[in-house]
């Protein structure tokens, strides 16, 4: 869920991953690639893309999610802007064009 600005950060958005589908990194990657910091469970591939206290927060339980939301709410604008910048800095690691290029290269190498 993308948190509304009424949750303490006017003009800013951050993404909270659904703990019921923990470990699915596809949504986290989508938001990170748009410069949106992420709060996600520390499961599956999430910790490959979300670096705790760099481009979001990782948590393991409801209390962790509450702490993460509060950390976003209490964060000053400079630190929040840095989190957004950090989120964008890693997009090359999970860009769809790169995945497609690698897939094509692997398929072509198997047929040569």
Protein backbone atom coordinates (compact mmCIF):
# COMPACT_ATOMS: atom_id res chain seq x y z
CA UNK A 1 0.00 0.00 0.00
CA UNK A 2 1.24 3.49 -0.73
CA UNK A 3 0.74 5.64 2.32
CA UNK A 4 -1.37 8.75 1.90
CA UNK A 5 0.16 12.13 2.65
CA UNK A 6 -2.14 12.39 5.66
CA UNK A 7 0.13 9.79 7.33
CA UNK A 8 2.59 12.46 8.28
CA UNK A 9 4.55 13.19 5.11
CA UNK A 10 2.75 15.76 2.99
CA UNK A 11 3.92 15.64 -0.63
CA UNK A 12 5.83 12.38 -0.05
CA UNK A 13 4.93 8.76 -0.56
CA UNK A 14 6.43 5.54 0.73
CA UNK A 15 5.42 1.97 0.10
CA UNK A 16 4.46 -0.53 2.77
CA UNK A 17 4.64 -4.12 1.59
CA UNK A 18 1.78 -6.38 2.59
CA UNK A 19 2.99 -8.71 5.36
CA UNK A 20 0.53 -11.33 4.11
CA UNK A 21 2.54 -11.72 0.90
CA UNK A 22 5.93 -11.32 2.47
CA UNK A 23 8.89 -12.15 0.34
CA UNK A 24 7.44 -10.98 -2.98
CA UNK A 25 9.91 -8.43 -4.20
CA UNK A 26 8.15 -7.44 -7.43
CA UNK A 27 6.19 -4.61 -5.82
CA UNK A 28 9.18 -3.42 -3.81
CA UNK A 29 11.27 -3.25 -6.98
CA UNK A 30 8.56 -1.30 -8.81
CA UNK A 31 8.35 1.33 -6.11
CA UNK A 32 12.11 1.56 -5.59
CA UNK A 33 12.60 2.11 -9.32
CA UNK A 34 10.36 5.18 -9.02
CA UNK A 35 12.29 6.54 -6.05
CA UNK A 36 9.73 5.48 -3.46
CA UNK A 37 11.27 4.15 -0.21
CA UNK A 38 9.90 0.79 0.92
CA UNK A 39 8.90 -0.82 4.20
CA UNK A 40 8.93 -4.58 3.64
CA UNK A 41 9.28 -7.89 5.40
CA UNK A 42 12.78 -9.31 5.65
CA UNK A 43 11.82 -12.41 3.66
CA UNK A 44 12.28 -13.82 0.21
CA UNK A 45 14.10 -11.49 -2.16
CA UNK A 46 13.11 -8.30 -0.36
CA UNK A 47 16.47 -8.02 1.38
CA UNK A 48 18.23 -8.21 -2.00
CA UNK A 49 16.66 -4.90 -2.99
CA UNK A 50 15.61 -3.14 0.20
CA UNK A 51 18.58 -2.20 2.35
CA UNK A 52 17.49 -1.44 5.88
CA UNK A 53 17.95 2.23 6.77
CA UNK A 54 19.22 3.06 3.24
CA UNK A 55 16.30 2.89 0.80
CA UNK A 56 13.67 1.63 3.20
CA UNK A 57 13.19 -0.51 6.25
CA UNK A 58 12.98 -4.27 6.70
CA UNK A 59 10.87 -5.77 9.45
CA UNK A 60 9.79 -9.17 10.72
CA UNK A 61 6.60 -8.53 12.66
CA UNK A 62 3.76 -6.08 13.23
CA UNK A 63 5.80 -4.09 15.74
CA UNK A 64 8.53 -3.72 13.12
CA UNK A 65 6.02 -2.39 10.61
CA UNK A 66 4.74 0.13 13.16
CA UNK A 67 8.31 1.23 13.96
CA UNK A 68 9.05 1.59 10.24
CA UNK A 69 5.99 3.74 9.59
CA UNK A 70 6.88 5.92 12.57
CA UNK A 71 10.45 6.27 11.32
CA UNK A 72 9.17 7.53 7.97
CA UNK A 73 6.76 9.93 9.67
CA UNK A 74 9.43 11.32 11.99
CA UNK A 75 12.14 11.57 9.31
CA UNK A 76 13.14 15.10 8.32
CA UNK A 77 12.88 16.18 4.69
CA UNK A 78 16.63 15.95 4.01
CA UNK A 79 16.86 12.34 5.19
CA UNK A 80 13.67 11.39 3.38
CA UNK A 81 15.01 12.90 0.15
CA UNK A 82 18.18 10.85 0.64
CA UNK A 83 16.11 7.65 1.03
CA UNK A 84 14.34 8.50 -2.25
CA UNK A 85 17.65 9.11 -3.99
CA UNK A 86 19.04 5.86 -2.57
CA UNK A 87 15.99 4.00 -3.87
CA UNK A 88 16.62 5.29 -7.40
CA UNK A 89 20.34 4.50 -7.25
CA UNK A 90 19.78 0.73 -7.32
CA UNK A 91 17.37 0.50 -10.23
CA UNK A 92 20.01 -0.88 -12.60
CA UNK A 93 20.13 -4.02 -10.46
CA UNK A 94 16.52 -4.89 -11.23
CA UNK A 95 15.59 -3.09 -14.43
CA UNK A 96 13.28 -4.92 -16.81
CA UNK A 97 15.38 -4.00 -19.89
CA UNK A 98 18.44 -5.58 -18.24
CA UNK A 99 16.50 -8.72 -17.33
CA UNK A 100 15.21 -8.98 -20.91
CA UNK A 101 18.67 -8.45 -22.39
CA UNK A 102 20.15 -11.15 -20.14
CA UNK A 103 17.33 -13.56 -20.98
CA UNK A 104 17.81 -13.04 -24.71
CA UNK A 105 21.58 -13.50 -24.37
CA UNK A 106 21.10 -16.76 -22.45
CA UNK A 107 18.59 -18.09 -24.97
CA UNK A 108 20.81 -17.18 -27.90
CA UNK A 109 23.88 -18.77 -26.30
CA UNK A 110 22.02 -22.06 -25.85
CA UNK A 111 21.05 -22.18 -29.53
CA UNK A 112 24.53 -21.58 -30.92
